[in-house]
Amino acid sequence: MNQTILIVEDEEKLAALLGDYLRQSGFDSVWIPNGTEVLPRVRERLPDLILLDLMLPGRDGLDICKEIRTFSEVPIIMITARVEEIDRLLGLELGADDYICKPFSPREVVARVKTVLRRAGDRQEPTCGELALDPEKFRAVLRGQELDLTAVEFKLLHFLFQNPGRIYSRSQLMDRIYSDQRVVSDRTIDSHIKKLRKKIAVVAADEELIHSIYGVGYKFEAP
């Protein structure tokens, strides 16, 4: 199956040209001309890479990139005609993987796409013994069996798993899990942890992956 590149560009002729070159190189492409349509499309069907223009009608490419990074590490190449923005892009404050300045050669774009995809493919998925996590698909597999986790449960497990042995308070976990800064109680985190432990126990009753530290919080520790 061909990899899919999402082209977010309001210039129709430029988007069509990029699509042609990508198809000639064996990629599938999808075009979105408006910034407000990007997030729903990405959440519905995650592409393999996003070519994201900085200046878009409806919503700015900078904001789109930042929001995507709250739930996905899909590779993003920013496209800009604003030279003054390059320092911000290079500063990695957005979480973009690369940037390209207009005007550009479509062949250069295809070459950058291949490089970024190759680099992304080299990233190792988090694994620990018999537990494997796929943050792109919110998928957790333990001893060959997929855990039926909610998005919040997966985020909790993934965050703790990425920081083994480190103890986090309930408030720290709330700040990490609820990026919209909603108000939730300590008991909400306790409830999510309890449900997460039950689902782990169904597959591996003999393993305790998430440990309670009395009066402090929680930590992940492999057996």
N, C-alpha and C. Protein backbone atom coordinates (compact mmCIF):
# COMPACT_ATOMS: atom_id res chain seq x y z
N MET A 1 0.84 -1.19 0.00
CA MET A 1 0.00 0.00 0.00
C MET A 1 0.88 1.25 0.00
N ASN A 2 0.54 2.21 -0.86
CA ASN A 2 1.32 3.43 -0.95
C ASN A 2 1.15 4.30 0.29
N GLN A 3 2.19 5.03 0.65
CA GLN A 3 2.09 5.97 1.75
C GLN A 3 1.31 7.20 1.30
N THR A 4 0.54 7.76 2.22
CA THR A 4 -0.32 8.90 1.89
C THR A 4 0.26 10.20 2.43
N ILE A 5 0.37 11.19 1.54
CA ILE A 5 0.86 12.51 1.92
C ILE A 5 -0.31 13.48 1.90
N LEU A 6 -0.56 14.15 3.01
CA LEU A 6 -1.60 15.16 3.08
C LEU A 6 -1.00 16.51 2.71
N ILE A 7 -1.51 17.10 1.62
CA ILE A 7 -1.02 18.41 1.16
C ILE A 7 -2.01 19.47 1.64
N VAL A 8 -1.54 20.35 2.51
CA VAL A 8 -2.38 21.43 3.02
C VAL A 8 -1.85 22.73 2.41
N GLU A 9 -2.50 23.18 1.36
CA GLU A 9 -2.01 24.30 0.55
C GLU A 9 -3.20 24.96 -0.14
N ASP A 10 -3.32 26.30 0.00
CA ASP A 10 -4.47 26.97 -0.59
C ASP A 10 -4.27 27.34 -2.06
N GLU A 11 -3.05 27.23 -2.59
CA GLU A 11 -2.81 27.49 -4.01
C GLU A 11 -3.07 26.20 -4.79
N GLU A 12 -4.18 26.16 -5.50
CA GLU A 12 -4.62 24.94 -6.16
C GLU A 12 -3.60 24.41 -7.17
N LYS A 13 -3.03 25.29 -7.99
CA LYS A 13 -2.08 24.84 -9.01
C LYS A 13 -0.83 24.25 -8.37
N LEU A 14 -0.36 24.88 -7.30
CA LEU A 14 0.82 24.37 -6.60
C LEU A 14 0.53 23.02 -5.96
N ALA A 15 -0.63 22.90 -5.33
CA ALA A 15 -1.01 21.63 -4.71
C ALA A 15 -1.12 20.52 -5.75
N ALA A 16 -1.70 20.84 -6.92
CA ALA A 16 -1.83 19.85 -7.99
C ALA A 16 -0.46 19.42 -8.50
N LEU A 17 0.45 20.38 -8.62
CA LEU A 17 1.81 20.06 -9.08
C LEU A 17 2.52 19.14 -8.09
N LEU A 18 2.41 19.46 -6.81
CA LEU A 18 3.01 18.60 -5.78
C LEU A 18 2.40 17.20 -5.82
N GLY A 19 1.08 17.14 -5.97
CA GLY A 19 0.41 15.85 -6.03
C GLY A 19 0.90 15.01 -7.20
N ASP A 20 1.10 15.64 -8.36
CA ASP A 20 1.60 14.92 -9.54
C ASP A 20 2.99 14.34 -9.28
N TYR A 21 3.87 15.15 -8.72
CA TYR A 21 5.23 14.69 -8.47
C TYR A 21 5.26 13.58 -7.42
N LEU A 22 4.42 13.71 -6.41
CA LEU A 22 4.37 12.67 -5.37
C LEU A 22 3.85 11.35 -5.95
N ARG A 23 2.82 11.43 -6.78
CA ARG A 23 2.28 10.21 -7.39
C ARG A 23 3.31 9.54 -8.30
N GLN A 24 4.09 10.36 -9.02
CA GLN A 24 5.13 9.80 -9.87
C GLN A 24 6.21 9.08 -9.05
N SER A 25 6.32 9.43 -7.78
CA SER A 25 7.30 8.80 -6.90
C SER A 25 6.68 7.69 -6.05
N GLY A 26 5.44 7.31 -6.36
CA GLY A 26 4.83 6.17 -5.69
C GLY A 26 4.02 6.49 -4.46
N PHE A 27 3.71 7.77 -4.23
CA PHE A 27 2.90 8.16 -3.08
C PHE A 27 1.46 8.42 -3.50
N ASP A 28 0.54 8.26 -2.56
CA ASP A 28 -0.82 8.76 -2.71
C ASP A 28 -0.86 10.14 -2.06
N SER A 29 -1.74 11.01 -2.55
CA SER A 29 -1.83 12.34 -1.95
C SER A 29 -3.28 12.74 -1.77
N VAL A 30 -3.51 13.56 -0.74
CA VAL A 30 -4.82 14.14 -0.46
C VAL A 30 -4.61 15.64 -0.30
N TRP A 31 -5.50 16.44 -0.88
CA TRP A 31 -5.34 17.89 -0.83
C TRP A 31 -6.43 18.53 0.01
N ILE A 32 -6.00 19.42 0.91
CA ILE A 32 -6.92 20.23 1.70
C ILE A 32 -6.51 21.70 1.53
N PRO A 33 -7.41 22.57 1.07
CA PRO A 33 -7.05 23.97 0.83
C PRO A 33 -7.32 24.91 2.00
N ASN A 34 -8.02 24.43 3.03
CA ASN A 34 -8.45 25.31 4.11
C ASN A 34 -7.96 24.79 5.46
N GLY A 35 -7.44 25.68 6.28
CA GLY A 35 -6.88 25.28 7.56
C GLY A 35 -7.87 24.68 8.53
N THR A 36 -9.14 25.06 8.43
CA THR A 36 -10.13 24.55 9.38
C THR A 36 -10.48 23.08 9.14
N GLU A 37 -10.13 22.56 7.97
CA GLU A 37 -10.48 21.18 7.65
C GLU A 37 -9.40 20.17 8.03
N VAL A 38 -8.24 20.66 8.47
CA VAL A 38 -7.09 19.77 8.66
C VAL A 38 -7.25 18.84 9.86
N LEU A 39 -7.56 19.39 11.02
CA LEU A 39 -7.64 18.57 12.23
C LEU A 39 -8.67 17.46 12.14
N PRO A 40 -9.91 17.76 11.67
CA PRO A 40 -10.88 16.65 11.53
C PRO A 40 -10.38 15.55 10.61
N ARG A 41 -9.72 15.93 9.51
CA ARG A 41 -9.21 14.92 8.56
C ARG A 41 -8.09 14.09 9.19
N VAL A 42 -7.19 14.73 9.90
CA VAL A 42 -6.07 14.02 10.52
C VAL A 42 -6.56 13.08 11.61
N ARG A 43 -7.53 13.52 12.40
CA ARG A 43 -8.06 12.66 13.46
C ARG A 43 -8.83 11.47 12.89
N GLU A 44 -9.49 11.71 11.76
CA GLU A 44 -10.27 10.63 11.15
C GLU A 44 -9.39 9.59 10.49
N ARG A 45 -8.39 10.04 9.76
CA ARG A 45 -7.50 9.12 9.05
C ARG A 45 -6.10 9.72 9.01
N LEU A 46 -5.21 9.19 9.81
CA LEU A 46 -3.87 9.75 9.94
C LEU A 46 -3.06 9.48 8.67
N PRO A 47 -2.51 10.53 8.05
CA PRO A 47 -1.65 10.32 6.88
C PRO A 47 -0.26 9.88 7.32
N ASP A 48 0.59 9.55 6.37
CA ASP A 48 1.97 9.16 6.69
C ASP A 48 2.86 10.38 6.87
N LEU A 49 2.47 11.49 6.24
CA LEU A 49 3.23 12.75 6.36
C LEU A 49 2.32 13.89 5.94
N ILE A 50 2.56 15.08 6.53
CA ILE A 50 1.77 16.27 6.19
C ILE A 50 2.69 17.35 5.64
N LEU A 51 2.36 17.86 4.45
CA LEU A 51 2.99 19.06 3.91
C LEU A 51 2.06 20.21 4.29
N LEU A 52 2.50 21.06 5.20
CA LEU A 52 1.61 22.05 5.82
C LEU A 52 2.08 23.47 5.53
N ASP A 53 1.28 24.20 4.74
CA ASP A 53 1.60 25.59 4.43
C ASP A 53 1.40 26.45 5.68
N LEU A 54 2.24 27.46 5.80
CA LEU A 54 2.18 28.33 6.97
C LEU A 54 0.97 29.26 6.92
N MET A 55 0.73 29.85 5.74
CA MET A 55 -0.36 30.82 5.57
C MET A 55 -1.55 30.14 4.91
N LEU A 56 -2.62 29.98 5.67
CA LEU A 56 -3.80 29.28 5.17
C LEU A 56 -5.06 30.07 5.50
N PRO A 57 -6.08 29.97 4.67
CA PRO A 57 -7.38 30.54 5.04
C PRO A 57 -8.02 29.69 6.13
N GLY A 58 -8.67 30.35 7.05
CA GLY A 58 -9.39 29.62 8.09
C GLY A 58 -8.60 29.42 9.37
N ARG A 59 -7.35 28.96 9.23
CA ARG A 59 -6.53 28.72 10.42
C ARG A 59 -5.06 28.69 10.06
N ASP A 60 -4.25 29.28 10.89
CA ASP A 60 -2.81 29.40 10.66
C ASP A 60 -2.11 28.04 10.79
N GLY A 61 -1.13 27.78 9.90
CA GLY A 61 -0.40 26.52 9.93
C GLY A 61 0.37 26.30 11.22
N LEU A 62 0.82 27.38 11.86
CA LEU A 62 1.54 27.24 13.13
C LEU A 62 0.63 26.63 14.20
N ASP A 63 -0.59 27.15 14.29
CA ASP A 63 -1.53 26.63 15.29
C ASP A 63 -1.92 25.19 14.99
N ILE A 64 -2.09 24.89 13.71
CA ILE A 64 -2.46 23.52 13.32
C ILE A 64 -1.37 22.54 13.75
N CYS A 65 -0.12 22.91 13.47
CA CYS A 65 1.01 22.03 13.82
C CYS A 65 1.07 21.80 15.33
N LYS A 66 0.91 22.87 16.09
CA LYS A 66 0.96 22.75 17.55
C LYS A 66 -0.14 21.82 18.07
N GLU A 67 -1.34 21.95 17.51
CA GLU A 67 -2.45 21.11 18.00
C GLU A 67 -2.26 19.66 17.60
N ILE A 68 -1.78 19.42 16.38
CA ILE A 68 -1.51 18.04 15.97
C ILE A 68 -0.53 17.38 16.92
N ARG A 69 0.45 18.13 17.37
CA ARG A 69 1.47 17.57 18.26
C ARG A 69 0.93 17.21 19.64
N THR A 70 -0.29 17.63 19.96
CA THR A 70 -0.87 17.23 21.25
C THR A 70 -1.40 15.81 21.21
N PHE A 71 -1.55 15.23 20.00
CA PHE A 71 -2.08 13.88 19.94
C PHE A 71 -1.38 12.97 18.93
N SER A 72 -0.43 13.50 18.15
CA SER A 72 0.21 12.65 17.14
C SER A 72 1.63 13.12 16.85
N GLU A 73 2.49 12.17 16.51
CA GLU A 73 3.86 12.47 16.09
C GLU A 73 4.02 12.27 14.58
N VAL A 74 2.93 12.36 13.83
CA VAL A 74 3.00 12.22 12.38
C VAL A 74 4.00 13.23 11.83
N PRO A 75 4.88 12.84 10.91
CA PRO A 75 5.86 13.78 10.36
C PRO A 75 5.19 14.97 9.67
N ILE A 76 5.71 16.16 9.93
CA ILE A 76 5.17 17.39 9.36
C ILE A 76 6.30 18.21 8.74
N ILE A 77 6.13 18.58 7.48
CA ILE A 77 7.05 19.50 6.81
C ILE A 77 6.30 20.80 6.58
N MET A 78 6.80 21.88 7.18
CA MET A 78 6.17 23.18 7.02
C MET A 78 6.64 23.82 5.71
N ILE A 79 5.70 24.51 5.05
CA ILE A 79 6.01 25.24 3.82
C ILE A 79 5.74 26.71 4.08
N THR A 80 6.73 27.57 3.82
CA THR A 80 6.56 28.99 4.13
C THR A 80 7.17 29.88 3.06
N ALA A 81 6.51 31.02 2.85
CA ALA A 81 7.07 32.07 2.00
C ALA A 81 7.52 33.24 2.87
N ARG A 82 7.33 33.12 4.17
CA ARG A 82 7.68 34.18 5.12
C ARG A 82 9.05 33.89 5.72
N VAL A 83 10.06 34.52 5.19
CA VAL A 83 11.44 34.28 5.62
C VAL A 83 11.61 34.57 7.11
N GLU A 84 10.85 35.55 7.62
CA GLU A 84 10.99 35.92 9.03
C GLU A 84 10.53 34.83 9.97
N GLU A 85 9.79 33.84 9.46
CA GLU A 85 9.31 32.75 10.31
C GLU A 85 10.31 31.61 10.44
N ILE A 86 11.37 31.64 9.62
CA ILE A 86 12.30 30.51 9.59
C ILE A 86 12.94 30.27 10.95
N ASP A 87 13.32 31.35 11.65
CA ASP A 87 13.94 31.19 12.96
C ASP A 87 13.02 30.46 13.92
N ARG A 88 11.72 30.76 13.86
CA ARG A 88 10.77 30.08 14.74
C ARG A 88 10.65 28.60 14.37
N LEU A 89 10.67 28.33 13.08
CA LEU A 89 10.58 26.94 12.64
C LEU A 89 11.82 26.18 13.07
N LEU A 90 12.99 26.81 12.89
CA LEU A 90 14.23 26.16 13.29
C LEU A 90 14.32 26.00 14.79
N GLY A 91 13.63 26.86 15.53
CA GLY A 91 13.65 26.77 16.99
C GLY A 91 12.89 25.58 17.53
N LEU A 92 12.23 24.84 16.66
CA LEU A 92 11.51 23.62 17.02
C LEU A 92 10.38 23.87 18.01
N GLU A 93 9.93 25.14 18.10
CA GLU A 93 8.84 25.40 19.03
C GLU A 93 7.54 24.80 18.54
N LEU A 94 7.51 24.41 17.27
CA LEU A 94 6.29 23.86 16.70
C LEU A 94 6.23 22.35 16.74
N GLY A 95 7.39 21.71 16.74
CA GLY A 95 7.42 20.27 16.63
C GLY A 95 7.41 19.79 15.20
N ALA A 96 7.68 20.71 14.23
CA ALA A 96 7.77 20.30 12.83
C ALA A 96 9.06 19.53 12.60
N ASP A 97 9.05 18.62 11.60
CA ASP A 97 10.22 17.81 11.31
C ASP A 97 11.16 18.48 10.32
N ASP A 98 10.64 19.38 9.50
CA ASP A 98 11.46 20.06 8.49
C ASP A 98 10.67 21.24 7.95
N TYR A 99 11.33 22.10 7.17
CA TYR A 99 10.62 23.20 6.54
C TYR A 99 11.19 23.42 5.14
N ILE A 100 10.37 24.00 4.26
CA ILE A 100 10.76 24.31 2.89
C ILE A 100 10.29 25.73 2.58
N CYS A 101 11.16 26.51 1.96
CA CYS A 101 10.81 27.88 1.62
C CYS A 101 10.32 27.99 0.18
N LYS A 102 9.27 28.79 -0.03
CA LYS A 102 8.81 29.11 -1.37
C LYS A 102 9.68 30.23 -1.94
N PRO A 103 9.93 30.22 -3.24
CA PRO A 103 9.58 29.19 -4.22
C PRO A 103 10.50 27.98 -4.09
N PHE A 104 10.02 26.81 -4.48
CA PHE A 104 10.81 25.60 -4.36
C PHE A 104 10.62 24.72 -5.58
N SER A 105 11.49 23.75 -5.72
CA SER A 105 11.37 22.76 -6.78
C SER A 105 10.53 21.59 -6.26
N PRO A 106 9.53 21.14 -7.00
CA PRO A 106 8.74 19.97 -6.56
C PRO A 106 9.62 18.75 -6.32
N ARG A 107 10.70 18.63 -7.09
CA ARG A 107 11.62 17.50 -6.87
C ARG A 107 12.28 17.59 -5.50
N GLU A 108 12.58 18.82 -5.08
CA GLU A 108 13.17 19.00 -3.75
C GLU A 108 12.18 18.58 -2.68
N VAL A 109 10.92 18.92 -2.87
CA VAL A 109 9.90 18.55 -1.89
C VAL A 109 9.80 17.04 -1.77
N VAL A 110 9.77 16.36 -2.90
CA VAL A 110 9.69 14.90 -2.89
C VAL A 110 10.91 14.31 -2.18
N ALA A 111 12.07 14.87 -2.44
CA ALA A 111 13.29 14.39 -1.78
C ALA A 111 13.21 14.59 -0.26
N ARG A 112 12.69 15.75 0.16
CA ARG A 112 12.55 16.01 1.60
C ARG A 112 11.54 15.05 2.22
N VAL A 113 10.46 14.80 1.51
CA VAL A 113 9.43 13.87 2.00
C VAL A 113 10.05 12.50 2.24
N LYS A 114 10.81 12.02 1.28
CA LYS A 114 11.44 10.70 1.42
C LYS A 114 12.40 10.66 2.60
N THR A 115 13.16 11.74 2.77
CA THR A 115 14.13 11.79 3.87
C THR A 115 13.44 11.78 5.22
N VAL A 116 12.38 12.59 5.37
CA VAL A 116 11.67 12.66 6.65
C VAL A 116 10.96 11.35 6.96
N LEU A 117 10.38 10.73 5.94
CA LEU A 117 9.72 9.43 6.15
C LEU A 117 10.72 8.36 6.54
N ARG A 118 11.89 8.39 5.91
CA ARG A 118 12.92 7.42 6.25
C ARG A 118 13.37 7.61 7.70
N ARG A 119 13.53 8.86 8.09
CA ARG A 119 13.94 9.17 9.46
C ARG A 119 12.87 8.72 10.45
N ALA A 120 11.59 8.97 10.10
CA ALA A 120 10.50 8.56 10.98
C ALA A 120 10.42 7.05 11.10
N GLY A 121 10.72 6.35 10.00
CA GLY A 121 10.70 4.89 10.02
C GLY A 121 11.77 4.29 10.89
N ASP A 122 12.84 5.06 11.12
CA ASP A 122 13.94 4.58 11.95
C ASP A 122 13.63 4.71 13.43
N ARG A 123 12.58 5.48 13.76
CA ARG A 123 12.22 5.62 15.17
C ARG A 123 11.69 4.30 15.70
N GLN A 124 12.16 3.92 16.85
CA GLN A 124 11.71 2.67 17.47
C GLN A 124 10.43 2.90 18.25
N GLU A 125 9.45 2.05 18.05
CA GLU A 125 8.26 2.10 18.88
C GLU A 125 8.65 1.72 20.30
N PRO A 126 8.02 2.36 21.30
CA PRO A 126 8.32 2.00 22.68
C PRO A 126 8.00 0.54 22.95
N THR A 127 8.96 -0.18 23.49
CA THR A 127 8.73 -1.56 23.87
C THR A 127 9.42 -1.83 25.20
N CYS A 128 8.87 -2.74 25.94
CA CYS A 128 9.48 -3.12 27.21
C CYS A 128 9.02 -4.53 27.52
N GLY A 129 9.92 -5.48 27.31
CA GLY A 129 9.54 -6.86 27.55
C GLY A 129 8.40 -7.28 26.66
N GLU A 130 7.27 -7.60 27.28
CA GLU A 130 6.12 -8.09 26.53
C GLU A 130 5.07 -7.01 26.30
N LEU A 131 5.43 -5.74 26.57
CA LEU A 131 4.52 -4.62 26.35
C LEU A 131 5.02 -3.77 25.20
N ALA A 132 4.14 -3.47 24.24
CA ALA A 132 4.48 -2.60 23.11
C ALA A 132 3.39 -1.56 22.93
N LEU A 133 3.79 -0.31 22.72
CA LEU A 133 2.84 0.78 22.56
C LEU A 133 3.01 1.45 21.20
N ASP A 134 1.89 1.76 20.58
CA ASP A 134 1.88 2.48 19.31
C ASP A 134 1.12 3.78 19.51
N PRO A 135 1.84 4.90 19.77
CA PRO A 135 1.17 6.17 20.07
C PRO A 135 0.40 6.75 18.90
N GLU A 136 0.74 6.35 17.67
CA GLU A 136 0.00 6.85 16.51
C GLU A 136 -1.43 6.30 16.48
N LYS A 137 -1.58 5.04 16.88
CA LYS A 137 -2.88 4.39 16.82
C LYS A 137 -3.53 4.20 18.19
N PHE A 138 -2.88 4.74 19.24
CA PHE A 138 -3.36 4.57 20.61
C PHE A 138 -3.57 3.09 20.91
N ARG A 139 -2.58 2.29 20.54
CA ARG A 139 -2.70 0.83 20.63
C ARG A 139 -1.65 0.29 21.61
N ALA A 140 -2.09 -0.54 22.54
CA ALA A 140 -1.19 -1.17 23.51
C ALA A 140 -1.35 -2.68 23.43
N VAL A 141 -0.24 -3.38 23.29
CA VAL A 141 -0.26 -4.84 23.19
C VAL A 141 0.60 -5.42 24.30
N LEU A 142 0.02 -6.29 25.08
CA LEU A 142 0.72 -6.94 26.18
C LEU A 142 0.64 -8.46 26.01
N ARG A 143 1.78 -9.10 25.96
CA ARG A 143 1.85 -10.55 25.76
C ARG A 143 1.07 -11.00 24.53
N GLY A 144 1.14 -10.18 23.50
CA GLY A 144 0.48 -10.53 22.24
C GLY A 144 -1.00 -10.22 22.19
N GLN A 145 -1.55 -9.69 23.29
CA GLN A 145 -2.97 -9.37 23.32
C GLN A 145 -3.16 -7.85 23.40
N GLU A 146 -4.07 -7.33 22.59
CA GLU A 146 -4.32 -5.89 22.59
C GLU A 146 -5.19 -5.51 23.79
N LEU A 147 -4.76 -4.47 24.50
CA LEU A 147 -5.52 -3.96 25.63
C LEU A 147 -6.57 -2.97 25.11
N ASP A 148 -7.78 -3.11 25.55
CA ASP A 148 -8.88 -2.24 25.09
C ASP A 148 -8.90 -0.99 25.96
N LEU A 149 -8.02 -0.02 25.61
CA LEU A 149 -7.86 1.17 26.44
C LEU A 149 -8.60 2.36 25.84
N THR A 150 -9.09 3.22 26.71
CA THR A 150 -9.63 4.50 26.27
C THR A 150 -8.45 5.41 25.94
N ALA A 151 -8.73 6.55 25.31
CA ALA A 151 -7.66 7.49 24.96
C ALA A 151 -6.93 7.98 26.21
N VAL A 152 -7.66 8.27 27.26
CA VAL A 152 -7.04 8.77 28.49
C VAL A 152 -6.19 7.68 29.14
N GLU A 153 -6.71 6.46 29.16
CA GLU A 153 -5.94 5.35 29.75
C GLU A 153 -4.64 5.12 28.97
N PHE A 154 -4.73 5.21 27.64
CA PHE A 154 -3.52 5.03 26.84
C PHE A 154 -2.52 6.14 27.11
N LYS A 155 -2.99 7.38 27.18
CA LYS A 155 -2.09 8.51 27.44
C LYS A 155 -1.38 8.34 28.79
N LEU A 156 -2.13 7.89 29.79
CA LEU A 156 -1.52 7.66 31.11
C LEU A 156 -0.43 6.60 31.03
N LEU A 157 -0.77 5.47 30.42
CA LEU A 157 0.19 4.37 30.31
C LEU A 157 1.41 4.80 29.50
N HIS A 158 1.17 5.47 28.39
CA HIS A 158 2.27 5.88 27.52
C HIS A 158 3.21 6.86 28.22
N PHE A 159 2.64 7.84 28.91
CA PHE A 159 3.47 8.83 29.61
C PHE A 159 4.30 8.19 30.72
N LEU A 160 3.67 7.37 31.53
CA LEU A 160 4.41 6.71 32.61
C LEU A 160 5.46 5.76 32.05
N PHE A 161 5.09 5.07 30.98
CA PHE A 161 5.99 4.11 30.35
C PHE A 161 7.24 4.78 29.79
N GLN A 162 7.08 6.01 29.27
CA GLN A 162 8.22 6.74 28.71
C GLN A 162 9.16 7.26 29.79
N ASN A 163 8.70 7.23 31.03
CA ASN A 163 9.51 7.75 32.14
C ASN A 163 9.58 6.72 33.27
N PRO A 164 10.12 5.54 33.00
CA PRO A 164 10.11 4.45 33.99
C PRO A 164 10.84 4.83 35.27
N GLY A 165 10.24 4.43 36.38
CA GLY A 165 10.86 4.65 37.68
C GLY A 165 10.62 6.03 38.26
N ARG A 166 10.15 6.97 37.45
CA ARG A 166 9.93 8.33 37.94
C ARG A 166 8.53 8.44 38.51
N ILE A 167 8.42 9.03 39.67
CA ILE A 167 7.13 9.16 40.34
C ILE A 167 6.48 10.48 39.95
N TYR A 168 5.20 10.40 39.58
CA TYR A 168 4.44 11.59 39.21
C TYR A 168 3.23 11.75 40.12
N SER A 169 3.02 12.97 40.56
CA SER A 169 1.84 13.24 41.39
C SER A 169 0.59 13.25 40.53
N ARG A 170 -0.55 13.22 41.16
CA ARG A 170 -1.80 13.25 40.42
C ARG A 170 -1.95 14.54 39.62
N SER A 171 -1.54 15.66 40.22
CA SER A 171 -1.66 16.93 39.51
C SER A 171 -0.76 16.97 38.29
N GLN A 172 0.44 16.39 38.38
CA GLN A 172 1.32 16.33 37.22
C GLN A 172 0.73 15.48 36.10
N LEU A 173 0.12 14.39 36.48
CA LEU A 173 -0.52 13.53 35.48
C LEU A 173 -1.72 14.22 34.84
N MET A 174 -2.48 14.96 35.64
CA MET A 174 -3.63 15.69 35.10
C MET A 174 -3.17 16.73 34.09
N ASP A 175 -2.09 17.45 34.40
CA ASP A 175 -1.57 18.46 33.47
C ASP A 175 -1.13 17.83 32.17
N ARG A 176 -0.58 16.63 32.26
CA ARG A 176 -0.09 15.96 31.06
C ARG A 176 -1.22 15.36 30.22
N ILE A 177 -2.21 14.79 30.87
CA ILE A 177 -3.26 14.08 30.16
C ILE A 177 -4.32 15.01 29.61
N TYR A 178 -4.68 16.03 30.38
CA TYR A 178 -5.73 16.94 29.96
C TYR A 178 -5.10 18.24 29.46
N SER A 179 -4.74 18.26 28.18
CA SER A 179 -4.06 19.43 27.59
C SER A 179 -4.97 20.64 27.49
N ASP A 180 -6.29 20.45 27.59
CA ASP A 180 -7.23 21.57 27.50
C ASP A 180 -7.42 22.26 28.85
N GLN A 181 -6.64 21.84 29.85
CA GLN A 181 -6.64 22.46 31.16
C GLN A 181 -8.01 22.37 31.87
N ARG A 182 -8.78 21.34 31.55
CA ARG A 182 -10.06 21.18 32.23
C ARG A 182 -9.82 20.89 33.72
N VAL A 183 -10.81 21.18 34.52
CA VAL A 183 -10.70 20.96 35.96
C VAL A 183 -11.20 19.56 36.28
N VAL A 184 -10.32 18.73 36.82
CA VAL A 184 -10.71 17.39 37.25
C VAL A 184 -10.13 17.15 38.64
N SER A 185 -10.71 16.23 39.35
CA SER A 185 -10.26 15.96 40.72
C SER A 185 -9.19 14.87 40.73
N ASP A 186 -8.50 14.77 41.84
CA ASP A 186 -7.50 13.71 42.02
C ASP A 186 -8.12 12.34 41.83
N ARG A 187 -9.37 12.21 42.25
CA ARG A 187 -10.04 10.91 42.16
C ARG A 187 -10.24 10.47 40.71
N THR A 188 -10.29 11.45 39.80
CA THR A 188 -10.45 11.10 38.38
C THR A 188 -9.23 10.32 37.91
N ILE A 189 -8.03 10.79 38.25
CA ILE A 189 -6.79 10.08 37.89
C ILE A 189 -6.77 8.71 38.55
N ASP A 190 -7.14 8.66 39.83
CA ASP A 190 -7.18 7.37 40.54
C ASP A 190 -8.11 6.39 39.84
N SER A 191 -9.25 6.88 39.36
CA SER A 191 -10.22 6.03 38.68
C SER A 191 -9.65 5.49 37.37
N HIS A 192 -8.99 6.35 36.60
CA HIS A 192 -8.38 5.91 35.34
C HIS A 192 -7.29 4.88 35.59
N ILE A 193 -6.47 5.12 36.61
CA ILE A 193 -5.39 4.18 36.94
C ILE A 193 -5.98 2.84 37.36
N LYS A 194 -7.04 2.87 38.14
CA LYS A 194 -7.67 1.63 38.61
C LYS A 194 -8.19 0.81 37.42
N LYS A 195 -8.85 1.47 36.48
CA LYS A 195 -9.37 0.78 35.30
C LYS A 195 -8.24 0.25 34.43
N LEU A 196 -7.19 1.04 34.30
CA LEU A 196 -6.03 0.62 33.52
C LEU A 196 -5.38 -0.63 34.11
N ARG A 197 -5.24 -0.65 35.41
CA ARG A 197 -4.66 -1.82 36.08
C ARG A 197 -5.51 -3.07 35.88
N LYS A 198 -6.83 -2.90 35.94
CA LYS A 198 -7.72 -4.04 35.74
C LYS A 198 -7.56 -4.63 34.35
N LYS A 199 -7.42 -3.76 33.36
CA LYS A 199 -7.27 -4.25 31.98
C LYS A 199 -5.92 -4.93 31.78
N ILE A 200 -4.90 -4.45 32.44
CA ILE A 200 -3.59 -5.11 32.39
C ILE A 200 -3.66 -6.46 33.08
N ALA A 201 -4.36 -6.52 34.20
CA ALA A 201 -4.45 -7.76 34.98
C ALA A 201 -5.18 -8.86 34.23
N VAL A 202 -6.10 -8.50 33.35
CA VAL A 202 -6.81 -9.51 32.57
C VAL A 202 -5.83 -10.30 31.71
N VAL A 203 -4.81 -9.63 31.22
CA VAL A 203 -3.81 -10.27 30.35
C VAL A 203 -2.64 -10.81 31.15
N ALA A 204 -2.23 -10.05 32.18
CA ALA A 204 -1.04 -10.44 32.94
C ALA A 204 -1.27 -10.17 34.42
N ALA A 205 -1.99 -11.08 35.06
CA ALA A 205 -2.33 -10.90 36.47
C ALA A 205 -1.10 -10.94 37.37
N ASP A 206 -0.02 -11.55 36.87
CA ASP A 206 1.18 -11.70 37.69
C ASP A 206 2.13 -10.52 37.58
N GLU A 207 1.79 -9.51 36.75
CA GLU A 207 2.68 -8.37 36.56
C GLU A 207 2.03 -7.09 37.07
N GLU A 208 2.77 -6.35 37.86
CA GLU A 208 2.31 -5.03 38.29
C GLU A 208 3.18 -3.99 37.61
N LEU A 209 2.62 -3.34 36.61
CA LEU A 209 3.39 -2.36 35.83
C LEU A 209 3.29 -0.96 36.41
N ILE A 210 2.11 -0.61 36.94
CA ILE A 210 1.91 0.72 37.49
C ILE A 210 1.84 0.62 39.01
N HIS A 211 2.75 1.29 39.67
CA HIS A 211 2.88 1.19 41.12
C HIS A 211 2.35 2.46 41.79
N SER A 212 1.63 2.29 42.89
CA SER A 212 1.17 3.42 43.70
C SER A 212 2.23 3.75 44.75
N ILE A 213 2.56 5.01 44.87
CA ILE A 213 3.47 5.48 45.91
C ILE A 213 2.63 6.26 46.91
N TYR A 214 2.41 5.69 48.07
CA TYR A 214 1.46 6.23 49.03
C TYR A 214 1.75 7.71 49.34
N GLY A 215 0.73 8.53 49.17
CA GLY A 215 0.84 9.94 49.49
C GLY A 215 1.57 10.77 48.45
N VAL A 216 2.03 10.13 47.39
CA VAL A 216 2.81 10.86 46.37
C VAL A 216 2.15 10.78 45.01
N GLY A 217 2.05 9.56 44.44
CA GLY A 217 1.47 9.43 43.12
C GLY A 217 1.71 8.05 42.53
N TYR A 218 2.12 8.01 41.27
CA TYR A 218 2.27 6.75 40.57
C TYR A 218 3.58 6.72 39.75
N LYS A 219 4.02 5.48 39.46
CA LYS A 219 5.18 5.31 38.59
C LYS A 219 5.03 4.01 37.79
N PHE A 220 5.71 3.94 36.67
CA PHE A 220 5.77 2.72 35.87
C PHE A 220 7.08 2.04 36.16
N GLU A 221 7.01 0.73 36.36
CA GLU A 221 8.22 -0.05 36.59
C GLU A 221 8.02 -1.44 36.03
N ALA A 222 8.90 -1.81 35.11
CA ALA A 222 8.80 -3.15 34.51
C ALA A 222 9.17 -4.20 35.52
N PRO A 223 8.56 -5.39 35.44
CA PRO A 223 8.88 -6.45 36.41
C PRO A 223 10.28 -7.00 36.15
